[in-house]
Amino acid sequence: MIAGTGSASTAHTLEQTRLAAIHGADAALVVTPYYNRPVQRGLEAHFRVVADASEIPLILYNVPSRTSVDILPETVASLSAHERIAGIKEAVADMARVDSLLALCPGDFAVLSGDDLSCLQAMKHGAHGVISVAANVVPGPIAELCAAARRGEWGLAESTENRLRKLFDILMIETNPIPVKWALFEMGLLGPHIRLPMTSLGDEFREPLRQCLNELELISA
């Protein structure tokens, strides 16, 4: 169980990470501080303070499209030496970024894709897996894709990816997590409501999503 504990405030992140450990989380996923846009030395100081105080391993989370701050590979490499910083969820879908992280960080530092559409490509470059949106809907096939990649069975991995690509696309038809929450509602796993400021999936997108789920035999027509 990996708990998301990151925030724009170092103090709040410390408290959330402490609570995650108390409640039994195995690790904490800590996003870069959003909105205030710290420079690289501020990012490094933020993560070091949280890691120094944490009782559980941290996974850095880099998603500049949402946070407007990008933790660079050199900063990640410096942090990767910390005994409680175990890896990074890297949502920059650029294989040069994956290559840099793998080249600069120790071999036991987990480089994980944060982007379903490019995760197989990232694994071909050496990434260790993916923290996936689609895995909430199709956990088995995503696990099969990752297992095949780890074994170097690229044909099987590509076949699985091709089967899921339409789902990957449609789960980004509106801002994540709106579509994935609606997919789980269609599958009978959640209610239809989502906390503001997110709203339920737009009416015009609901039928295409249902069709995709039906094609994958996740719901009946």
N, C-alpha and C. Protein backbone atom coordinates (compact mmCIF):
# COMPACT_ATOMS: atom_id res chain seq x y z
N MET A 1 0.84 -1.19 0.00
CA MET A 1 0.00 0.00 0.00
C MET A 1 0.88 1.24 0.00
N ILE A 2 0.76 2.04 -1.04
CA ILE A 2 1.52 3.28 -1.18
C ILE A 2 0.54 4.43 -1.01
N ALA A 3 0.76 5.28 -0.03
CA ALA A 3 -0.15 6.40 0.25
C ALA A 3 0.40 7.68 -0.34
N GLY A 4 -0.44 8.45 -1.00
CA GLY A 4 -0.04 9.76 -1.50
C GLY A 4 -0.04 10.77 -0.37
N THR A 5 1.11 11.32 -0.07
CA THR A 5 1.23 12.23 1.09
C THR A 5 1.77 13.60 0.72
N GLY A 6 2.08 13.85 -0.53
CA GLY A 6 2.71 15.10 -0.91
C GLY A 6 1.75 16.27 -0.92
N SER A 7 2.28 17.46 -0.72
CA SER A 7 1.50 18.69 -0.79
C SER A 7 2.44 19.83 -1.13
N ALA A 8 1.88 21.05 -1.20
CA ALA A 8 2.70 22.22 -1.47
C ALA A 8 3.51 22.66 -0.26
N SER A 9 3.18 22.11 0.90
CA SER A 9 3.82 22.51 2.16
C SER A 9 4.68 21.38 2.70
N THR A 10 5.92 21.67 3.02
CA THR A 10 6.79 20.65 3.59
C THR A 10 6.24 20.18 4.93
N ALA A 11 5.78 21.11 5.77
CA ALA A 11 5.26 20.73 7.08
C ALA A 11 4.05 19.82 6.95
N HIS A 12 3.15 20.13 6.02
CA HIS A 12 1.95 19.29 5.83
C HIS A 12 2.35 17.93 5.26
N THR A 13 3.32 17.91 4.36
CA THR A 13 3.80 16.64 3.81
C THR A 13 4.39 15.76 4.91
N LEU A 14 5.15 16.37 5.80
CA LEU A 14 5.70 15.62 6.95
C LEU A 14 4.58 14.99 7.77
N GLU A 15 3.55 15.76 8.06
CA GLU A 15 2.45 15.26 8.88
C GLU A 15 1.69 14.15 8.17
N GLN A 16 1.42 14.33 6.88
CA GLN A 16 0.69 13.31 6.12
C GLN A 16 1.50 12.02 6.01
N THR A 17 2.81 12.14 5.85
CA THR A 17 3.67 10.97 5.76
C THR A 17 3.73 10.25 7.11
N ARG A 18 3.76 11.03 8.18
CA ARG A 18 3.72 10.42 9.52
C ARG A 18 2.42 9.64 9.73
N LEU A 19 1.31 10.22 9.32
CA LEU A 19 0.01 9.54 9.48
C LEU A 19 -0.06 8.29 8.61
N ALA A 20 0.50 8.35 7.40
CA ALA A 20 0.51 7.17 6.53
C ALA A 20 1.25 6.01 7.19
N ALA A 21 2.38 6.31 7.83
CA ALA A 21 3.15 5.27 8.52
C ALA A 21 2.36 4.71 9.69
N ILE A 22 1.72 5.58 10.46
CA ILE A 22 0.94 5.13 11.62
C ILE A 22 -0.17 4.18 11.18
N HIS A 23 -0.78 4.46 10.05
CA HIS A 23 -1.91 3.67 9.58
C HIS A 23 -1.48 2.46 8.73
N GLY A 24 -0.19 2.20 8.64
CA GLY A 24 0.27 0.95 8.05
C GLY A 24 0.68 0.99 6.60
N ALA A 25 0.80 2.17 6.00
CA ALA A 25 1.26 2.24 4.61
C ALA A 25 2.67 1.68 4.50
N ASP A 26 2.95 1.03 3.39
CA ASP A 26 4.28 0.47 3.15
C ASP A 26 5.25 1.52 2.62
N ALA A 27 4.72 2.54 1.95
CA ALA A 27 5.55 3.60 1.38
C ALA A 27 4.67 4.81 1.16
N ALA A 28 5.31 5.94 0.91
CA ALA A 28 4.59 7.19 0.63
C ALA A 28 5.00 7.69 -0.75
N LEU A 29 4.01 8.10 -1.52
CA LEU A 29 4.23 8.73 -2.82
C LEU A 29 4.15 10.24 -2.61
N VAL A 30 5.27 10.93 -2.85
CA VAL A 30 5.37 12.34 -2.47
C VAL A 30 5.58 13.18 -3.73
N VAL A 31 4.53 13.89 -4.12
CA VAL A 31 4.59 14.72 -5.32
C VAL A 31 5.44 15.96 -5.05
N THR A 32 6.03 16.49 -6.11
CA THR A 32 6.77 17.75 -6.00
C THR A 32 5.82 18.86 -5.54
N PRO A 33 6.27 19.78 -4.69
CA PRO A 33 5.39 20.84 -4.19
C PRO A 33 4.85 21.70 -5.33
N TYR A 34 3.55 21.70 -5.47
CA TYR A 34 2.90 22.38 -6.59
C TYR A 34 2.66 23.85 -6.27
N TYR A 35 2.45 24.61 -7.29
CA TYR A 35 2.08 26.03 -7.28
C TYR A 35 3.24 26.94 -6.87
N ASN A 36 3.91 26.65 -5.74
CA ASN A 36 4.96 27.58 -5.32
C ASN A 36 6.26 27.41 -6.10
N ARG A 37 6.41 26.32 -6.84
CA ARG A 37 7.48 26.15 -7.82
C ARG A 37 8.88 26.37 -7.24
N PRO A 38 9.30 25.56 -6.28
CA PRO A 38 10.65 25.70 -5.74
C PRO A 38 11.72 25.40 -6.79
N VAL A 39 12.89 26.00 -6.62
CA VAL A 39 14.03 25.68 -7.48
C VAL A 39 14.59 24.32 -7.05
N GLN A 40 15.58 23.82 -7.80
CA GLN A 40 16.07 22.46 -7.56
C GLN A 40 16.61 22.28 -6.14
N ARG A 41 17.33 23.27 -5.60
CA ARG A 41 17.85 23.10 -4.24
C ARG A 41 16.71 23.07 -3.22
N GLY A 42 15.61 23.79 -3.52
CA GLY A 42 14.45 23.74 -2.64
C GLY A 42 13.76 22.39 -2.71
N LEU A 43 13.67 21.83 -3.91
CA LEU A 43 13.09 20.50 -4.05
C LEU A 43 13.91 19.47 -3.28
N GLU A 44 15.23 19.54 -3.45
CA GLU A 44 16.08 18.57 -2.75
C GLU A 44 15.94 18.73 -1.24
N ALA A 45 15.93 19.95 -0.75
CA ALA A 45 15.79 20.17 0.70
C ALA A 45 14.45 19.65 1.19
N HIS A 46 13.38 19.89 0.43
CA HIS A 46 12.03 19.43 0.79
C HIS A 46 12.02 17.91 0.96
N PHE A 47 12.50 17.21 -0.04
CA PHE A 47 12.44 15.75 0.02
C PHE A 47 13.38 15.18 1.09
N ARG A 48 14.51 15.82 1.31
CA ARG A 48 15.41 15.33 2.35
C ARG A 48 14.80 15.48 3.74
N VAL A 49 14.15 16.60 3.98
CA VAL A 49 13.52 16.81 5.28
C VAL A 49 12.44 15.75 5.51
N VAL A 50 11.62 15.48 4.50
CA VAL A 50 10.56 14.48 4.64
C VAL A 50 11.16 13.09 4.83
N ALA A 51 12.18 12.76 4.05
CA ALA A 51 12.79 11.43 4.16
C ALA A 51 13.49 11.25 5.49
N ASP A 52 14.16 12.29 5.99
CA ASP A 52 14.85 12.19 7.28
C ASP A 52 13.88 11.86 8.41
N ALA A 53 12.65 12.38 8.31
CA ALA A 53 11.67 12.19 9.38
C ALA A 53 10.77 10.97 9.17
N SER A 54 10.83 10.39 7.99
CA SER A 54 9.88 9.33 7.65
C SER A 54 10.31 7.97 8.20
N GLU A 55 9.33 7.18 8.60
CA GLU A 55 9.58 5.81 9.02
C GLU A 55 9.35 4.82 7.90
N ILE A 56 8.85 5.27 6.76
CA ILE A 56 8.59 4.41 5.61
C ILE A 56 9.31 4.97 4.39
N PRO A 57 9.58 4.13 3.39
CA PRO A 57 10.25 4.61 2.18
C PRO A 57 9.40 5.62 1.43
N LEU A 58 10.08 6.52 0.73
CA LEU A 58 9.41 7.50 -0.12
C LEU A 58 9.62 7.15 -1.59
N ILE A 59 8.60 7.42 -2.38
CA ILE A 59 8.72 7.40 -3.83
C ILE A 59 8.45 8.83 -4.30
N LEU A 60 9.43 9.44 -4.92
CA LEU A 60 9.25 10.78 -5.48
C LEU A 60 8.23 10.71 -6.61
N TYR A 61 7.48 11.79 -6.81
CA TYR A 61 6.48 11.82 -7.89
C TYR A 61 6.68 13.11 -8.66
N ASN A 62 7.07 12.95 -9.93
CA ASN A 62 7.34 14.09 -10.79
C ASN A 62 6.28 14.17 -11.89
N VAL A 63 5.44 15.19 -11.83
CA VAL A 63 4.38 15.35 -12.83
C VAL A 63 4.23 16.84 -13.15
N PRO A 64 5.21 17.41 -13.86
CA PRO A 64 5.23 18.85 -14.08
C PRO A 64 4.03 19.39 -14.83
N SER A 65 3.33 18.55 -15.63
CA SER A 65 2.14 19.03 -16.32
C SER A 65 1.05 19.45 -15.34
N ARG A 66 1.10 18.94 -14.12
CA ARG A 66 0.11 19.31 -13.10
C ARG A 66 0.68 20.25 -12.05
N THR A 67 1.95 20.12 -11.73
CA THR A 67 2.51 20.90 -10.61
C THR A 67 3.24 22.16 -11.05
N SER A 68 3.62 22.24 -12.32
CA SER A 68 4.43 23.36 -12.84
C SER A 68 5.82 23.39 -12.22
N VAL A 69 6.30 22.26 -11.74
CA VAL A 69 7.67 22.16 -11.25
C VAL A 69 8.22 20.80 -11.66
N ASP A 70 9.46 20.78 -12.11
CA ASP A 70 10.07 19.57 -12.66
C ASP A 70 11.33 19.26 -11.87
N ILE A 71 11.35 18.10 -11.21
CA ILE A 71 12.56 17.69 -10.51
C ILE A 71 13.49 17.01 -11.52
N LEU A 72 14.65 17.59 -11.71
CA LEU A 72 15.55 17.16 -12.78
C LEU A 72 16.33 15.90 -12.37
N PRO A 73 16.78 15.13 -13.36
CA PRO A 73 17.48 13.88 -13.06
C PRO A 73 18.67 14.05 -12.12
N GLU A 74 19.41 15.13 -12.23
CA GLU A 74 20.57 15.33 -11.37
C GLU A 74 20.14 15.48 -9.90
N THR A 75 19.01 16.13 -9.68
CA THR A 75 18.49 16.28 -8.32
C THR A 75 17.99 14.94 -7.81
N VAL A 76 17.31 14.20 -8.67
CA VAL A 76 16.85 12.85 -8.29
C VAL A 76 18.05 11.98 -7.93
N ALA A 77 19.11 12.08 -8.71
CA ALA A 77 20.31 11.26 -8.46
C ALA A 77 20.89 11.57 -7.09
N SER A 78 20.92 12.83 -6.72
CA SER A 78 21.43 13.19 -5.40
C SER A 78 20.54 12.62 -4.30
N LEU A 79 19.23 12.70 -4.50
CA LEU A 79 18.29 12.18 -3.50
C LEU A 79 18.30 10.66 -3.44
N SER A 80 18.65 10.01 -4.54
CA SER A 80 18.57 8.54 -4.59
C SER A 80 19.55 7.87 -3.62
N ALA A 81 20.53 8.62 -3.13
CA ALA A 81 21.47 8.07 -2.15
C ALA A 81 20.87 7.99 -0.76
N HIS A 82 19.75 8.66 -0.55
CA HIS A 82 19.12 8.64 0.78
C HIS A 82 18.51 7.27 1.04
N GLU A 83 18.71 6.74 2.21
CA GLU A 83 18.30 5.37 2.49
C GLU A 83 16.79 5.16 2.47
N ARG A 84 16.03 6.24 2.62
CA ARG A 84 14.58 6.08 2.62
C ARG A 84 13.91 6.65 1.38
N ILE A 85 14.68 6.96 0.36
CA ILE A 85 14.10 7.38 -0.92
C ILE A 85 14.33 6.23 -1.90
N ALA A 86 13.24 5.54 -2.22
CA ALA A 86 13.35 4.24 -2.89
C ALA A 86 13.16 4.31 -4.39
N GLY A 87 12.58 5.39 -4.91
CA GLY A 87 12.32 5.43 -6.34
C GLY A 87 11.60 6.69 -6.74
N ILE A 88 11.20 6.73 -8.02
CA ILE A 88 10.48 7.88 -8.56
C ILE A 88 9.40 7.40 -9.50
N LYS A 89 8.24 8.02 -9.39
CA LYS A 89 7.19 7.92 -10.41
C LYS A 89 7.41 9.09 -11.36
N GLU A 90 7.87 8.80 -12.56
CA GLU A 90 8.25 9.83 -13.52
C GLU A 90 7.18 9.93 -14.60
N ALA A 91 6.43 11.04 -14.59
CA ALA A 91 5.34 11.22 -15.54
C ALA A 91 5.73 12.08 -16.74
N VAL A 92 7.01 12.37 -16.88
CA VAL A 92 7.48 13.02 -18.11
C VAL A 92 7.68 11.92 -19.15
N ALA A 93 6.85 11.94 -20.18
CA ALA A 93 6.84 10.86 -21.18
C ALA A 93 7.92 11.11 -22.23
N ASP A 94 9.15 11.13 -21.79
CA ASP A 94 10.31 11.40 -22.64
C ASP A 94 11.36 10.35 -22.31
N MET A 95 11.71 9.55 -23.30
CA MET A 95 12.62 8.44 -23.02
C MET A 95 14.03 8.93 -22.69
N ALA A 96 14.38 10.13 -23.13
CA ALA A 96 15.67 10.70 -22.72
C ALA A 96 15.69 10.93 -21.22
N ARG A 97 14.53 11.29 -20.66
CA ARG A 97 14.43 11.46 -19.21
C ARG A 97 14.63 10.12 -18.50
N VAL A 98 13.98 9.09 -19.00
CA VAL A 98 14.13 7.75 -18.41
C VAL A 98 15.59 7.32 -18.48
N ASP A 99 16.20 7.51 -19.65
CA ASP A 99 17.61 7.13 -19.81
C ASP A 99 18.50 7.86 -18.81
N SER A 100 18.26 9.15 -18.61
CA SER A 100 19.08 9.92 -17.68
C SER A 100 18.92 9.42 -16.25
N LEU A 101 17.68 9.17 -15.84
CA LEU A 101 17.45 8.67 -14.48
C LEU A 101 18.15 7.35 -14.25
N LEU A 102 18.05 6.45 -15.21
CA LEU A 102 18.67 5.13 -15.06
C LEU A 102 20.19 5.24 -15.06
N ALA A 103 20.72 6.17 -15.83
CA ALA A 103 22.18 6.32 -15.90
C ALA A 103 22.74 6.95 -14.63
N LEU A 104 21.99 7.84 -14.00
CA LEU A 104 22.51 8.61 -12.87
C LEU A 104 22.22 7.99 -11.51
N CYS A 105 21.18 7.16 -11.42
CA CYS A 105 20.74 6.63 -10.13
C CYS A 105 21.23 5.19 -9.94
N PRO A 106 21.34 4.74 -8.70
CA PRO A 106 21.77 3.36 -8.44
C PRO A 106 20.80 2.34 -9.03
N GLY A 107 21.30 1.14 -9.28
CA GLY A 107 20.48 0.11 -9.90
C GLY A 107 19.29 -0.31 -9.06
N ASP A 108 19.37 -0.15 -7.73
CA ASP A 108 18.24 -0.55 -6.87
C ASP A 108 17.25 0.59 -6.64
N PHE A 109 17.44 1.72 -7.33
CA PHE A 109 16.51 2.83 -7.25
C PHE A 109 15.44 2.61 -8.31
N ALA A 110 14.17 2.52 -7.90
CA ALA A 110 13.09 2.15 -8.82
C ALA A 110 12.68 3.35 -9.67
N VAL A 111 12.84 3.22 -10.98
CA VAL A 111 12.35 4.22 -11.92
C VAL A 111 11.05 3.68 -12.50
N LEU A 112 9.93 4.32 -12.16
CA LEU A 112 8.60 3.86 -12.53
C LEU A 112 7.94 4.88 -13.45
N SER A 113 7.36 4.41 -14.52
CA SER A 113 6.61 5.30 -15.40
C SER A 113 5.35 5.79 -14.68
N GLY A 114 4.97 7.02 -14.97
CA GLY A 114 3.71 7.55 -14.47
C GLY A 114 2.75 7.87 -15.60
N ASP A 115 2.96 7.24 -16.76
CA ASP A 115 2.17 7.55 -17.95
C ASP A 115 1.84 6.25 -18.68
N ASP A 116 0.56 5.87 -18.68
CA ASP A 116 0.17 4.60 -19.29
C ASP A 116 0.55 4.52 -20.77
N LEU A 117 0.36 5.62 -21.50
CA LEU A 117 0.56 5.58 -22.95
C LEU A 117 2.01 5.30 -23.34
N SER A 118 2.96 5.68 -22.48
CA SER A 118 4.36 5.47 -22.81
C SER A 118 5.05 4.48 -21.88
N CYS A 119 4.28 3.79 -21.03
CA CYS A 119 4.93 2.97 -20.01
C CYS A 119 5.70 1.80 -20.61
N LEU A 120 5.18 1.17 -21.65
CA LEU A 120 5.91 0.06 -22.24
C LEU A 120 7.20 0.55 -22.89
N GLN A 121 7.14 1.67 -23.56
CA GLN A 121 8.36 2.24 -24.13
C GLN A 121 9.38 2.53 -23.04
N ALA A 122 8.89 3.06 -21.90
CA ALA A 122 9.80 3.33 -20.78
C ALA A 122 10.44 2.05 -20.27
N MET A 123 9.66 0.98 -20.18
CA MET A 123 10.20 -0.30 -19.71
C MET A 123 11.19 -0.87 -20.71
N LYS A 124 10.98 -0.63 -21.99
CA LYS A 124 11.96 -1.05 -22.99
C LYS A 124 13.29 -0.33 -22.78
N HIS A 125 13.24 0.87 -22.23
CA HIS A 125 14.45 1.63 -21.94
C HIS A 125 15.04 1.28 -20.58
N GLY A 126 14.35 0.41 -19.82
CA GLY A 126 14.90 -0.03 -18.55
C GLY A 126 14.12 0.35 -17.32
N ALA A 127 13.02 1.11 -17.47
CA ALA A 127 12.18 1.43 -16.32
C ALA A 127 11.66 0.15 -15.68
N HIS A 128 11.40 0.22 -14.38
CA HIS A 128 11.10 -0.98 -13.61
C HIS A 128 9.61 -1.33 -13.57
N GLY A 129 8.76 -0.45 -14.08
CA GLY A 129 7.33 -0.71 -14.05
C GLY A 129 6.56 0.58 -14.22
N VAL A 130 5.30 0.57 -13.78
CA VAL A 130 4.43 1.73 -13.94
C VAL A 130 3.51 1.84 -12.74
N ILE A 131 3.26 3.07 -12.32
CA ILE A 131 2.14 3.36 -11.42
C ILE A 131 1.05 3.90 -12.32
N SER A 132 0.00 3.11 -12.51
CA SER A 132 -0.89 3.22 -13.65
C SER A 132 -2.28 3.70 -13.27
N VAL A 133 -2.87 4.54 -14.14
CA VAL A 133 -4.28 4.90 -14.02
C VAL A 133 -5.14 3.71 -14.43
N ALA A 134 -4.84 3.11 -15.58
CA ALA A 134 -5.66 2.04 -16.11
C ALA A 134 -5.68 0.80 -15.21
N ALA A 135 -4.66 0.65 -14.37
CA ALA A 135 -4.62 -0.51 -13.48
C ALA A 135 -5.78 -0.51 -12.49
N ASN A 136 -6.40 0.64 -12.26
CA ASN A 136 -7.60 0.67 -11.44
C ASN A 136 -8.76 -0.04 -12.11
N VAL A 137 -8.75 -0.10 -13.44
CA VAL A 137 -9.82 -0.71 -14.23
C VAL A 137 -9.45 -2.12 -14.65
N VAL A 138 -8.20 -2.32 -15.07
CA VAL A 138 -7.74 -3.62 -15.58
C VAL A 138 -6.44 -4.01 -14.87
N PRO A 139 -6.49 -4.28 -13.58
CA PRO A 139 -5.24 -4.59 -12.85
C PRO A 139 -4.53 -5.81 -13.40
N GLY A 140 -5.28 -6.85 -13.76
CA GLY A 140 -4.65 -8.07 -14.26
C GLY A 140 -3.85 -7.84 -15.53
N PRO A 141 -4.44 -7.27 -16.58
CA PRO A 141 -3.69 -7.03 -17.81
C PRO A 141 -2.49 -6.10 -17.62
N ILE A 142 -2.61 -5.08 -16.77
CA ILE A 142 -1.46 -4.21 -16.53
C ILE A 142 -0.33 -4.99 -15.85
N ALA A 143 -0.70 -5.85 -14.89
CA ALA A 143 0.31 -6.69 -14.25
C ALA A 143 0.96 -7.63 -15.27
N GLU A 144 0.16 -8.17 -16.18
CA GLU A 144 0.70 -9.07 -17.22
C GLU A 144 1.66 -8.31 -18.14
N LEU A 145 1.29 -7.07 -18.50
CA LEU A 145 2.17 -6.26 -19.35
C LEU A 145 3.52 -6.06 -18.68
N CYS A 146 3.48 -5.69 -17.40
CA CYS A 146 4.73 -5.43 -16.67
C CYS A 146 5.55 -6.72 -16.51
N ALA A 147 4.87 -7.82 -16.21
CA ALA A 147 5.58 -9.10 -16.03
C ALA A 147 6.24 -9.54 -17.34
N ALA A 148 5.53 -9.36 -18.44
CA ALA A 148 6.10 -9.73 -19.74
C ALA A 148 7.31 -8.86 -20.06
N ALA A 149 7.22 -7.58 -19.74
CA ALA A 149 8.35 -6.68 -19.99
C ALA A 149 9.55 -7.09 -19.14
N ARG A 150 9.31 -7.44 -17.90
CA ARG A 150 10.42 -7.83 -17.02
C ARG A 150 11.10 -9.10 -17.53
N ARG A 151 10.33 -9.98 -18.17
CA ARG A 151 10.90 -11.20 -18.74
C ARG A 151 11.52 -10.98 -20.11
N GLY A 152 11.34 -9.79 -20.67
CA GLY A 152 11.83 -9.50 -22.00
C GLY A 152 10.99 -10.09 -23.10
N GLU A 153 9.74 -10.44 -22.79
CA GLU A 153 8.81 -10.99 -23.78
C GLU A 153 8.07 -9.82 -24.43
N TRP A 154 8.76 -9.13 -25.31
CA TRP A 154 8.25 -7.87 -25.82
C TRP A 154 7.05 -8.07 -26.74
N GLY A 155 6.99 -9.15 -27.45
CA GLY A 155 5.83 -9.41 -28.30
C GLY A 155 4.56 -9.52 -27.48
N LEU A 156 4.62 -10.27 -26.37
CA LEU A 156 3.46 -10.40 -25.49
C LEU A 156 3.11 -9.06 -24.86
N ALA A 157 4.12 -8.32 -24.42
CA ALA A 157 3.86 -7.01 -23.82
C ALA A 157 3.22 -6.07 -24.82
N GLU A 158 3.70 -6.08 -26.06
CA GLU A 158 3.13 -5.20 -27.08
C GLU A 158 1.70 -5.61 -27.43
N SER A 159 1.43 -6.90 -27.45
CA SER A 159 0.07 -7.38 -27.71
C SER A 159 -0.89 -6.90 -26.63
N THR A 160 -0.44 -6.98 -25.37
CA THR A 160 -1.27 -6.52 -24.26
C THR A 160 -1.48 -5.01 -24.35
N GLU A 161 -0.42 -4.28 -24.66
CA GLU A 161 -0.54 -2.83 -24.78
C GLU A 161 -1.51 -2.46 -25.90
N ASN A 162 -1.43 -3.14 -27.03
CA ASN A 162 -2.33 -2.84 -28.15
C ASN A 162 -3.79 -3.06 -27.75
N ARG A 163 -4.04 -4.10 -26.96
CA ARG A 163 -5.40 -4.40 -26.52
C ARG A 163 -5.93 -3.31 -25.58
N LEU A 164 -5.02 -2.66 -24.87
CA LEU A 164 -5.42 -1.67 -23.86
C LEU A 164 -5.30 -0.23 -24.33
N ARG A 165 -4.75 -0.01 -25.51
CA ARG A 165 -4.44 1.36 -25.91
C ARG A 165 -5.68 2.24 -25.98
N LYS A 166 -6.80 1.70 -26.47
CA LYS A 166 -8.02 2.51 -26.54
C LYS A 166 -8.46 2.92 -25.13
N LEU A 167 -8.31 2.00 -24.17
CA LEU A 167 -8.64 2.34 -22.78
C LEU A 167 -7.70 3.42 -22.26
N PHE A 168 -6.41 3.30 -22.54
CA PHE A 168 -5.46 4.32 -22.12
C PHE A 168 -5.89 5.70 -22.62
N ASP A 169 -6.28 5.75 -23.90
CA ASP A 169 -6.69 7.02 -24.50
C ASP A 169 -7.95 7.57 -23.84
N ILE A 170 -8.94 6.71 -23.67
CA ILE A 170 -10.24 7.21 -23.20
C ILE A 170 -10.19 7.60 -21.73
N LEU A 171 -9.26 7.03 -20.97
CA LEU A 171 -9.14 7.41 -19.57
C LEU A 171 -8.51 8.79 -19.42
N MET A 172 -8.10 9.41 -20.53
CA MET A 172 -7.59 10.77 -20.51
C MET A 172 -8.51 11.72 -21.28
N ILE A 173 -9.75 11.28 -21.55
CA ILE A 173 -10.66 12.08 -22.36
C ILE A 173 -11.10 13.35 -21.63
N GLU A 174 -11.13 13.30 -20.30
CA GLU A 174 -11.22 14.47 -19.44
C GLU A 174 -10.14 14.31 -18.38
N THR A 175 -9.99 15.31 -17.55
CA THR A 175 -8.90 15.32 -16.58
C THR A 175 -8.98 14.11 -15.65
N ASN A 176 -7.87 13.38 -15.53
CA ASN A 176 -7.77 12.30 -14.56
C ASN A 176 -7.94 12.89 -13.15
N PRO A 177 -8.75 12.27 -12.27
CA PRO A 177 -9.33 10.92 -12.33
C PRO A 177 -10.80 10.87 -12.74
N ILE A 178 -11.31 11.87 -13.45
CA ILE A 178 -12.73 11.86 -13.80
C ILE A 178 -13.10 10.60 -14.60
N PRO A 179 -12.41 10.29 -15.72
CA PRO A 179 -12.85 9.13 -16.50
C PRO A 179 -12.68 7.80 -15.77
N VAL A 180 -11.58 7.63 -15.03
CA VAL A 180 -11.38 6.35 -14.35
C VAL A 180 -12.41 6.14 -13.25
N LYS A 181 -12.79 7.21 -12.56
CA LYS A 181 -13.84 7.10 -11.54
C LYS A 181 -15.17 6.70 -12.20
N TRP A 182 -15.46 7.29 -13.36
CA TRP A 182 -16.71 6.95 -14.04
C TRP A 182 -16.66 5.51 -14.56
N ALA A 183 -15.51 5.07 -15.04
CA ALA A 183 -15.38 3.68 -15.49
C ALA A 183 -15.67 2.72 -14.34
N LEU A 184 -15.14 3.01 -13.18
CA LEU A 184 -15.39 2.14 -12.02
C LEU A 184 -16.85 2.19 -11.59
N PHE A 185 -17.50 3.35 -11.78
CA PHE A 185 -18.95 3.42 -11.54
C PHE A 185 -19.69 2.53 -12.51
N GLU A 186 -19.35 2.59 -13.78
CA GLU A 186 -20.00 1.74 -14.79
C GLU A 186 -19.81 0.26 -14.49
N MET A 187 -18.68 -0.07 -13.86
CA MET A 187 -18.39 -1.46 -13.51
C MET A 187 -19.04 -1.87 -12.19
N GLY A 188 -19.74 -0.96 -11.55
CA GLY A 188 -20.42 -1.27 -10.30
C GLY A 188 -19.53 -1.28 -9.08
N LEU A 189 -18.38 -0.62 -9.17
CA LEU A 189 -17.42 -0.64 -8.07
C LEU A 189 -17.43 0.63 -7.24
N LEU A 190 -18.02 1.70 -7.77
CA LEU A 190 -18.08 2.98 -7.07
C LEU A 190 -19.44 3.62 -7.31
N GLY A 191 -19.75 4.61 -6.50
CA GLY A 191 -20.91 5.44 -6.78
C GLY A 191 -20.57 6.44 -7.88
N PRO A 192 -21.57 7.21 -8.34
CA PRO A 192 -21.36 8.12 -9.48
C PRO A 192 -20.74 9.45 -9.12
N HIS A 193 -20.58 9.75 -7.82
CA HIS A 193 -20.17 11.09 -7.43
C HIS A 193 -18.67 11.16 -7.22
N ILE A 194 -18.14 12.36 -7.37
CA ILE A 194 -16.72 12.61 -7.21
C ILE A 194 -16.57 13.94 -6.49
N ARG A 195 -15.56 14.05 -5.66
CA ARG A 195 -15.42 15.25 -4.84
C ARG A 195 -15.04 16.47 -5.68
N LEU A 196 -15.69 17.59 -5.39
CA LEU A 196 -15.31 18.86 -6.00
C LEU A 196 -13.88 19.23 -5.61
N PRO A 197 -13.16 19.89 -6.52
CA PRO A 197 -13.64 20.55 -7.72
C PRO A 197 -13.74 19.66 -8.95
N MET A 198 -13.46 18.36 -8.82
CA MET A 198 -13.69 17.45 -9.94
C MET A 198 -15.19 17.20 -10.05
N THR A 199 -15.65 16.92 -11.26
CA THR A 199 -17.06 16.65 -11.51
C THR A 199 -17.20 15.35 -12.28
N SER A 200 -18.41 14.81 -12.33
CA SER A 200 -18.63 13.57 -13.05
C SER A 200 -18.33 13.73 -14.53
N LEU A 201 -18.06 12.61 -15.19
CA LEU A 201 -17.70 12.61 -16.60
C LEU A 201 -18.79 13.29 -17.43
N GLY A 202 -18.38 14.10 -18.39
CA GLY A 202 -19.31 14.79 -19.27
C GLY A 202 -20.21 13.82 -20.03
N ASP A 203 -21.46 14.21 -20.23
CA ASP A 203 -22.43 13.32 -20.87
C ASP A 203 -21.95 12.82 -22.23
N GLU A 204 -21.27 13.67 -22.98
CA GLU A 204 -20.85 13.31 -24.34
C GLU A 204 -19.77 12.24 -24.36
N PHE A 205 -19.11 12.00 -23.22
CA PHE A 205 -18.03 11.02 -23.17
C PHE A 205 -18.47 9.68 -22.59
N ARG A 206 -19.67 9.62 -22.06
CA ARG A 206 -20.07 8.42 -21.32
C ARG A 206 -20.28 7.21 -22.23
N GLU A 207 -20.91 7.41 -23.38
CA GLU A 207 -21.15 6.28 -24.27
C GLU A 207 -19.85 5.74 -24.87
N PRO A 208 -18.92 6.60 -25.35
CA PRO A 208 -17.64 6.05 -25.82
C PRO A 208 -16.90 5.26 -24.74
N LEU A 209 -16.97 5.72 -23.49
CA LEU A 209 -16.33 4.98 -22.41
C LEU A 209 -17.01 3.64 -22.19
N ARG A 210 -18.35 3.64 -22.20
CA ARG A 210 -19.07 2.37 -22.04
C ARG A 210 -18.73 1.40 -23.16
N GLN A 211 -18.63 1.89 -24.39
CA GLN A 211 -18.28 1.03 -25.51
C GLN A 211 -16.91 0.40 -25.33
N CYS A 212 -15.96 1.19 -24.85
CA CYS A 212 -14.62 0.67 -24.60
C CYS A 212 -14.65 -0.41 -23.52
N LEU A 213 -15.36 -0.15 -22.44
CA LEU A 213 -15.46 -1.15 -21.37
C LEU A 213 -16.14 -2.41 -21.85
N ASN A 214 -17.14 -2.27 -22.71
CA ASN A 214 -17.84 -3.42 -23.26
C ASN A 214 -16.92 -4.25 -24.16
N GLU A 215 -16.12 -3.57 -24.98
CA GLU A 215 -15.17 -4.27 -25.86
C GLU A 215 -14.16 -5.07 -25.06
N LEU A 216 -13.80 -4.58 -23.88
CA LEU A 216 -12.86 -5.29 -23.02
C LEU A 216 -13.56 -6.31 -22.11
N GLU A 217 -14.88 -6.44 -22.30
CA GLU A 217 -15.71 -7.39 -21.53
C GLU A 217 -15.68 -7.09 -20.03
N LEU A 218 -15.64 -5.79 -19.73
CA LEU A 218 -15.66 -5.35 -18.33
C LEU A 218 -17.07 -5.02 -17.87
N ILE A 219 -17.95 -4.73 -18.83
CA ILE A 219 -19.37 -4.58 -18.56
C ILE A 219 -20.12 -5.27 -19.70
N SER A 220 -21.40 -5.52 -19.51
CA SER A 220 -22.22 -6.10 -20.57
C SER A 220 -22.89 -4.98 -21.35
N ALA A 221 -23.20 -5.25 -22.59
CA ALA A 221 -23.79 -4.23 -23.47
C ALA A 221 -25.16 -3.81 -22.95
